[in-house]
Amino acid sequence: MNYTIFDTPVLKTIVRWLSILFLRITGWRTEDRVPAIPKFVLVAAPHTSNWDLPYALFVAFAIRAKIYWMGKDALFRRPFKGFFKWLGGIPVDRSKSQNVVAQMIRQFDQNDKLILTIAPAGTRKQVKQWKTGFYYIAEGANVPMVLGFLDYRRKVGGMGRVIYPTGDFGADMKAIRAFYDGVAGKYPQKSLSS
């Protein structure tokens, strides 16, 4: 994986304290801790706003979670390409049929530690169902899913329940959906409809 801001000793300390200060000033707080698991898929839901990424990064810096996140390749154009990669971004070309699941499984195989953040909605727009790649990445890499959240109603962000894929997609999704019941995105009307 690429070198990130989380790897820059002095800067990561400064950014952590600035993140804590920003969250405090804006009335946000963190909840739960980073699980003591070296590799996992961090499910990022609900995803309803462009503000989700900055808040997710502030929370990650505050709780000392070195996260990588997948974003559409349009974000990684000049002059921001290097900056977003430095923030842990991994560009994904959604216009072509590429096997992103296999690519991400390889990343897990090649790294001793990896927190891969994926927004299953795949977009900030309202969707009827989530994309399933996050589940199949976790299953294929034999890593758990950790349910990350930004609850704009309570102004709380963090990492919650750990779920290991059982192979029963329907049952696992039911448990995941139950966790997110009551978690409000910035625009709740865009959240996954039940």
Protein backbone atom coordinates (compact mmCIF):
# COMPACT_ATOMS: atom_id res chain seq x y z
CA MET A 1 0.00 0.00 0.00
CA ASN A 2 1.09 3.57 -0.46
CA TYR A 3 2.79 5.79 2.13
CA THR A 4 0.15 7.79 3.99
CA ILE A 5 -0.20 10.65 6.43
CA PHE A 6 -0.62 7.96 9.12
CA ASP A 7 3.04 7.01 8.47
CA THR A 8 4.45 10.53 8.99
CA PRO A 9 5.55 10.56 12.68
CA VAL A 10 5.32 14.22 13.70
CA LEU A 11 2.53 15.09 11.30
CA LYS A 12 0.29 12.20 12.35
CA THR A 13 0.48 13.41 15.97
CA ILE A 14 -0.36 16.98 14.96
CA VAL A 15 -3.20 15.83 12.69
CA ARG A 16 -4.56 13.59 15.46
CA TRP A 17 -4.77 16.49 17.90
CA LEU A 18 -6.25 18.79 15.24
CA SER A 19 -8.84 16.11 14.47
CA ILE A 20 -9.75 15.74 18.14
CA LEU A 21 -10.03 19.55 18.41
CA PHE A 22 -12.16 19.78 15.24
CA LEU A 23 -14.51 17.02 16.45
CA ARG A 24 -14.84 18.67 19.86
CA ILE A 25 -15.53 22.14 18.39
CA THR A 26 -18.18 20.75 16.05
CA GLY A 27 -19.82 18.76 18.85
CA TRP A 28 -18.73 15.32 17.61
CA ARG A 29 -17.26 12.52 19.66
CA THR A 30 -15.84 9.07 19.01
CA GLU A 31 -17.24 5.82 20.32
CA ASP A 32 -15.70 2.37 20.61
CA ARG A 33 -12.11 1.50 19.84
CA VAL A 34 -10.19 0.03 16.93
CA PRO A 35 -10.44 -3.76 17.29
CA ALA A 36 -7.15 -5.56 17.94
CA ILE A 37 -7.40 -7.29 14.57
CA PRO A 38 -4.59 -6.67 12.05
CA LYS A 39 -6.74 -6.91 8.91
CA PHE A 40 -10.41 -6.21 8.28
CA VAL A 41 -12.94 -4.61 5.97
CA LEU A 42 -14.34 -1.47 7.59
CA VAL A 43 -17.93 -1.06 6.45
CA ALA A 44 -18.66 2.67 6.10
CA ALA A 45 -22.36 3.37 6.40
CA PRO A 46 -24.56 5.19 5.91
CA HIS A 47 -22.95 7.13 3.05
CA THR A 48 -25.13 10.10 2.11
CA SER A 49 -22.82 13.12 1.83
CA ASN A 50 -19.47 14.43 0.63
CA TRP A 51 -18.85 15.25 4.30
CA ASP A 52 -18.63 11.54 5.16
CA LEU A 53 -15.00 11.22 4.02
CA PRO A 54 -13.63 14.20 6.00
CA TYR A 55 -15.52 13.15 9.15
CA ALA A 56 -14.41 9.53 8.71
CA LEU A 57 -10.79 10.70 8.43
CA PHE A 58 -11.12 12.96 11.50
CA VAL A 59 -12.53 10.01 13.47
CA ALA A 60 -9.81 7.67 12.15
CA PHE A 61 -7.04 10.10 13.12
CA ALA A 62 -8.61 10.65 16.55
CA ILE A 63 -8.81 6.91 17.35
CA ARG A 64 -5.46 6.11 15.68
CA ALA A 65 -6.88 3.89 12.95
CA LYS A 66 -4.72 3.72 9.82
CA ILE A 67 -7.43 3.32 7.22
CA TYR A 68 -7.36 2.94 3.47
CA TRP A 69 -10.47 3.80 1.51
CA MET A 70 -11.72 3.13 -2.00
CA GLY A 71 -12.89 6.12 -4.04
CA LYS A 72 -13.95 6.72 -7.62
CA ASP A 73 -10.97 7.45 -9.83
CA ALA A 74 -12.29 10.94 -10.68
CA LEU A 75 -11.20 12.04 -7.18
CA PHE A 76 -7.61 11.11 -8.00
CA ARG A 77 -7.05 13.49 -10.91
CA ARG A 78 -4.44 16.23 -10.81
CA PRO A 79 -3.83 18.27 -8.72
CA PHE A 80 -5.33 16.10 -5.94
CA LYS A 81 -4.07 12.63 -6.93
CA GLY A 82 -1.08 12.53 -4.59
CA PHE A 83 -2.97 14.21 -1.76
CA PHE A 84 -5.85 11.71 -1.74
CA LYS A 85 -3.44 8.76 -1.97
CA TRP A 86 -1.52 10.26 0.95
CA LEU A 87 -4.83 10.29 2.87
CA GLY A 88 -5.12 6.52 2.24
CA GLY A 89 -7.20 6.63 -0.94
CA ILE A 90 -7.24 3.79 -3.47
CA PRO A 91 -8.65 4.83 -6.88
CA VAL A 92 -11.28 2.54 -8.40
CA ASP A 93 -12.36 2.78 -12.04
CA ARG A 94 -16.09 2.08 -11.92
CA SER A 95 -16.57 2.70 -15.66
CA LYS A 96 -14.87 -0.57 -16.61
CA SER A 97 -15.63 -4.10 -15.58
CA GLN A 98 -12.61 -4.77 -13.42
CA ASN A 99 -12.37 -7.37 -10.74
CA VAL A 100 -12.04 -5.02 -7.78
CA VAL A 101 -12.89 -7.84 -5.36
CA ALA A 102 -9.91 -9.93 -6.54
CA GLN A 103 -7.62 -6.87 -6.48
CA MET A 104 -8.56 -6.07 -2.88
CA ILE A 105 -8.21 -9.70 -1.77
CA ARG A 106 -4.66 -9.59 -3.18
CA GLN A 107 -4.00 -6.44 -1.13
CA PHE A 108 -5.02 -8.32 2.02
CA ASP A 109 -2.77 -11.24 1.03
CA GLN A 110 0.20 -8.91 0.46
CA ASN A 111 -0.10 -6.89 3.68
CA ASP A 112 0.34 -7.88 7.33
CA LYS A 113 -1.96 -5.06 8.44
CA LEU A 114 -4.80 -3.50 6.46
CA ILE A 115 -8.01 -1.68 7.30
CA LEU A 116 -9.87 -1.33 4.00
CA THR A 117 -12.80 1.07 4.25
CA ILE A 118 -15.68 0.49 1.84
CA ALA A 119 -19.00 2.31 1.56
CA PRO A 120 -21.37 -0.48 0.43
CA ALA A 121 -23.87 2.02 -0.96
CA GLY A 122 -21.20 2.88 -3.54
CA THR A 123 -22.65 6.37 -3.95
CA ARG A 124 -24.04 9.26 -1.94
CA LYS A 125 -27.38 8.93 -3.76
CA GLN A 126 -30.21 6.86 -2.34
CA VAL A 127 -29.97 3.21 -3.33
CA LYS A 128 -32.39 0.31 -2.97
CA GLN A 129 -29.64 -2.13 -2.02
CA TRP A 130 -25.96 -2.12 -1.22
CA LYS A 131 -23.26 -3.40 -3.51
CA THR A 132 -21.99 -6.76 -2.27
CA GLY A 133 -18.25 -6.42 -3.00
CA PHE A 134 -17.35 -5.51 0.59
CA TYR A 135 -18.77 -8.83 1.78
CA TYR A 136 -17.02 -10.91 -0.87
CA ILE A 137 -13.72 -9.13 -0.26
CA ALA A 138 -13.93 -9.99 3.45
CA GLU A 139 -14.98 -13.56 2.71
CA GLY A 140 -12.31 -14.09 0.03
CA ALA A 141 -9.55 -12.57 2.17
CA ASN A 142 -10.75 -14.51 5.23
CA VAL A 143 -10.98 -11.32 7.30
CA PRO A 144 -13.83 -9.93 9.41
CA MET A 145 -16.00 -6.93 8.70
CA VAL A 146 -16.03 -4.15 11.29
CA LEU A 147 -19.10 -1.94 11.20
CA GLY A 148 -17.98 1.68 11.06
CA PHE A 149 -20.48 4.49 11.44
CA LEU A 150 -21.03 8.23 11.36
CA ASP A 151 -24.26 9.04 13.17
CA TYR A 152 -25.04 12.65 12.31
CA ARG A 153 -28.07 12.74 14.64
CA ARG A 154 -25.98 11.91 17.73
CA LYS A 155 -22.76 13.38 16.25
CA VAL A 156 -20.84 10.20 16.99
CA GLY A 157 -18.42 8.27 14.81
CA GLY A 158 -16.48 5.09 15.37
CA MET A 159 -16.17 1.37 14.88
CA GLY A 160 -18.70 -1.04 16.29
CA ARG A 161 -19.55 -4.68 15.90
CA VAL A 162 -17.17 -7.23 14.34
CA ILE A 163 -18.82 -9.72 11.98
CA TYR A 164 -17.04 -12.68 10.41
CA PRO A 165 -18.56 -13.74 7.06
CA THR A 166 -20.26 -17.10 7.50
CA GLY A 167 -20.99 -17.70 3.82
CA ASP A 168 -24.69 -17.16 4.51
CA PHE A 169 -24.94 -13.76 2.86
CA GLY A 170 -28.59 -13.21 3.77
CA ALA A 171 -28.12 -13.93 7.47
CA ASP A 172 -24.93 -11.86 7.68
CA MET A 173 -26.61 -8.92 5.92
CA LYS A 174 -29.53 -9.13 8.32
CA ALA A 175 -27.10 -8.74 11.25
CA ILE A 176 -25.31 -5.86 9.50
CA ARG A 177 -28.58 -4.05 8.70
CA ALA A 178 -29.74 -4.48 12.32
CA PHE A 179 -26.58 -2.70 13.52
CA TYR A 180 -27.29 0.31 11.27
CA ASP A 181 -30.95 0.66 12.25
CA GLY A 182 -31.17 4.04 13.91
CA VAL A 183 -27.80 5.31 12.61
CA ALA A 184 -28.56 8.54 10.73
CA GLY A 185 -26.53 9.78 7.77
CA LYS A 186 -26.21 13.49 7.09
CA TYR A 187 -29.15 13.15 4.70
CA PRO A 188 -31.25 10.33 6.24
CA GLN A 189 -33.66 10.34 3.30
CA LYS A 190 -30.80 9.02 1.14
CA SER A 191 -30.10 6.07 3.44
CA LEU A 192 -30.86 2.54 2.33
CA SER A 193 -34.60 2.02 2.36
CA SER A 194 -35.76 -0.90 4.48
